[in-house]
Amino acid sequence: MKRIFAMVAGTVLLLLGSVVPGGSFLLALGAMLLICASPWFRKCLQFLRTRFNRFNKIMTWMENRMGDRIGSVLKLTEPGYEPKLGDHGT
């Protein structure tokens, strides 16, 4: 039940962040919830970051701007990252 709630909340935050001006915090928070709740979403973001350099630069910018808690979760989607035991979202 917690996983479903996290996925729904993350999707809503992603949608709100894309509509609201200056919604980068909402986008990062929504992505963080989805990364923690779904290993599949994490792999999709890794693929997108590998394929599209501009998207990778945006995600790197958000990692650096959002602080340690959100930034550390967003770094799990870096291209070539292999999750270790105890990482967020495993």
C-alpha atoms as a PDB file:
ATOM      1  CA  MET A   1       0.000   0.000   0.000  1.00  0.00           C
ATOM      2  CA  LYS A   2       2.869   2.390   0.818  1.00  0.00           C
ATOM      3  CA  ARG A   3       4.459   1.704  -2.555  1.00  0.00           C
ATOM      4  CA  ILE A   4       1.231   2.473  -4.431  1.00  0.00           C
ATOM      5  CA  PHE A   5       0.776   5.687  -2.435  1.00  0.00           C
ATOM      6  CA  ALA A   6       4.379   6.743  -3.147  1.00  0.00           C
ATOM      7  CA  MET A   7       3.956   6.067  -6.876  1.00  0.00           C
ATOM      8  CA  VAL A   8       0.693   8.021  -7.077  1.00  0.00           C
ATOM      9  CA  ALA A   9       2.098  10.925  -5.041  1.00  0.00           C
ATOM     10  CA  GLY A  10       5.270  10.981  -7.162  1.00  0.00           C
ATOM     11  CA  THR A  11       3.267  11.067 -10.381  1.00  0.00           C
ATOM     12  CA  VAL A  12       1.077  13.902  -9.096  1.00  0.00           C
ATOM     13  CA  LEU A  13       4.148  15.911  -8.036  1.00  0.00           C
ATOM     14  CA  LEU A  14       5.771  15.372 -11.443  1.00  0.00           C
ATOM     15  CA  LEU A  15       2.634  16.617 -13.181  1.00  0.00           C
ATOM     16  CA  LEU A  16       2.280  19.624 -10.869  1.00  0.00           C
ATOM     17  CA  GLY A  17       5.967  20.480 -11.204  1.00  0.00           C
ATOM     18  CA  SER A  18       5.738  20.557 -14.974  1.00  0.00           C
ATOM     19  CA  VAL A  19       2.807  23.013 -14.896  1.00  0.00           C
ATOM     20  CA  VAL A  20       3.769  25.334 -12.031  1.00  0.00           C
ATOM     21  CA  PRO A  21       6.377  27.998 -12.834  1.00  0.00           C
ATOM     22  CA  GLY A  22       9.525  27.307 -10.846  1.00  0.00           C
ATOM     23  CA  GLY A  23       8.349  23.794 -10.030  1.00  0.00           C
ATOM     24  CA  SER A  24      11.794  22.200 -10.086  1.00  0.00           C
ATOM     25  CA  PHE A  25      11.467  21.243  -6.402  1.00  0.00           C
ATOM     26  CA  LEU A  26       8.182  19.456  -7.107  1.00  0.00           C
ATOM     27  CA  LEU A  27       9.766  17.673 -10.079  1.00  0.00           C
ATOM     28  CA  ALA A  28      12.726  16.537  -7.971  1.00  0.00           C
ATOM     29  CA  LEU A  29      10.501  15.426  -5.100  1.00  0.00           C
ATOM     30  CA  GLY A  30       8.212  13.488  -7.446  1.00  0.00           C
ATOM     31  CA  ALA A  31      11.186  11.836  -9.146  1.00  0.00           C
ATOM     32  CA  MET A  32      12.635  10.943  -5.734  1.00  0.00           C
ATOM     33  CA  LEU A  33       9.408   9.245  -4.651  1.00  0.00           C
ATOM     34  CA  LEU A  34       9.171   7.300  -7.897  1.00  0.00           C
ATOM     35  CA  ILE A  35      12.843   6.262  -7.792  1.00  0.00           C
ATOM     36  CA  CYS A  36      12.443   4.952  -4.246  1.00  0.00           C
ATOM     37  CA  ALA A  37       9.174   3.159  -5.009  1.00  0.00           C
ATOM     38  CA  SER A  38      10.013   1.599  -8.373  1.00  0.00           C
ATOM     39  CA  PRO A  39      13.268   0.016  -9.549  1.00  0.00           C
ATOM     40  CA  TRP A  40      11.774   0.026 -13.063  1.00  0.00           C
ATOM     41  CA  PHE A  41      11.438   3.841 -12.997  1.00  0.00           C
ATOM     42  CA  ARG A  42      15.057   4.150 -11.849  1.00  0.00           C
ATOM     43  CA  LYS A  43      16.207   2.058 -14.827  1.00  0.00           C
ATOM     44  CA  CYS A  44      14.075   4.175 -17.186  1.00  0.00           C
ATOM     45  CA  LEU A  45      15.700   7.363 -15.894  1.00  0.00           C
ATOM     46  CA  GLN A  46      19.152   5.795 -16.302  1.00  0.00           C
ATOM     47  CA  PHE A  47      18.289   4.980 -19.911  1.00  0.00           C
ATOM     48  CA  LEU A  48      17.012   8.515 -20.576  1.00  0.00           C
ATOM     49  CA  ARG A  49      20.120  10.054 -19.019  1.00  0.00           C
ATOM     50  CA  THR A  50      22.303   7.858 -21.226  1.00  0.00           C
ATOM     51  CA  ARG A  51      20.413   8.683 -24.424  1.00  0.00           C
ATOM     52  CA  PHE A  52      19.757  12.408 -23.981  1.00  0.00           C
ATOM     53  CA  ASN A  53      22.668  14.583 -22.870  1.00  0.00           C
ATOM     54  CA  ARG A  54      20.474  17.625 -22.154  1.00  0.00           C
ATOM     55  CA  PHE A  55      18.218  15.576 -19.848  1.00  0.00           C
ATOM     56  CA  ASN A  56      21.346  14.292 -18.068  1.00  0.00           C
ATOM     57  CA  LYS A  57      22.563  17.873 -17.546  1.00  0.00           C
ATOM     58  CA  ILE A  58      19.167  18.881 -16.113  1.00  0.00           C
ATOM     59  CA  MET A  59      19.175  15.924 -13.711  1.00  0.00           C
ATOM     60  CA  THR A  60      22.756  16.703 -12.644  1.00  0.00           C
ATOM     61  CA  TRP A  61      21.753  20.316 -11.989  1.00  0.00           C
ATOM     62  CA  MET A  62      18.808  19.141  -9.880  1.00  0.00           C
ATOM     63  CA  GLU A  63      21.060  16.725  -7.934  1.00  0.00           C
ATOM     64  CA  ASN A  64      23.373  19.576  -6.988  1.00  0.00           C
ATOM     65  CA  ARG A  65      20.609  22.055  -6.135  1.00  0.00           C
ATOM     66  CA  MET A  66      18.243  19.864  -4.100  1.00  0.00           C
ATOM     67  CA  GLY A  67      20.474  19.043  -1.139  1.00  0.00           C
ATOM     68  CA  ASP A  68      21.692  15.775   0.285  1.00  0.00           C
ATOM     69  CA  ARG A  69      18.442  13.922   0.894  1.00  0.00           C
ATOM     70  CA  ILE A  70      16.860  14.403  -2.517  1.00  0.00           C
ATOM     71  CA  GLY A  71      20.149  14.705  -4.412  1.00  0.00           C
ATOM     72  CA  SER A  72      21.481  11.384  -3.114  1.00  0.00           C
ATOM     73  CA  VAL A  73      18.387   9.589  -4.381  1.00  0.00           C
ATOM     74  CA  LEU A  74      18.568  11.323  -7.771  1.00  0.00           C
ATOM     75  CA  LYS A  75      22.223  10.238  -8.084  1.00  0.00           C
ATOM     76  CA  LEU A  76      21.006   6.634  -8.138  1.00  0.00           C
ATOM     77  CA  THR A  77      19.920   7.273 -11.741  1.00  0.00           C
ATOM     78  CA  GLU A  78      23.361   8.293 -13.026  1.00  0.00           C
ATOM     79  CA  PRO A  79      24.366   6.374 -16.158  1.00  0.00           C
ATOM     80  CA  GLY A  80      26.422   3.305 -15.300  1.00  0.00           C
ATOM     81  CA  TYR A  81      25.332   3.263 -11.645  1.00  0.00           C
ATOM     82  CA  GLU A  82      24.929  -0.215 -10.142  1.00  0.00           C
ATOM     83  CA  PRO A  83      22.909  -0.323  -6.906  1.00  0.00           C
ATOM     84  CA  LYS A  84      24.608  -1.788  -3.850  1.00  0.00           C
ATOM     85  CA  LEU A  85      23.005  -3.431  -0.866  1.00  0.00           C
ATOM     86  CA  GLY A  86      21.531  -0.741   1.373  1.00  0.00           C
ATOM     87  CA  ASP A  87      21.093   1.947  -1.294  1.00  0.00           C
ATOM     88  CA  HIS A  88      17.838   3.882  -1.451  1.00  0.00           C
ATOM     89  CA  GLY A  89      15.110   2.219  -3.438  1.00  0.00           C
ATOM     90  CA  THR A  90      16.390  -1.353  -3.287  1.00  0.00           C
END
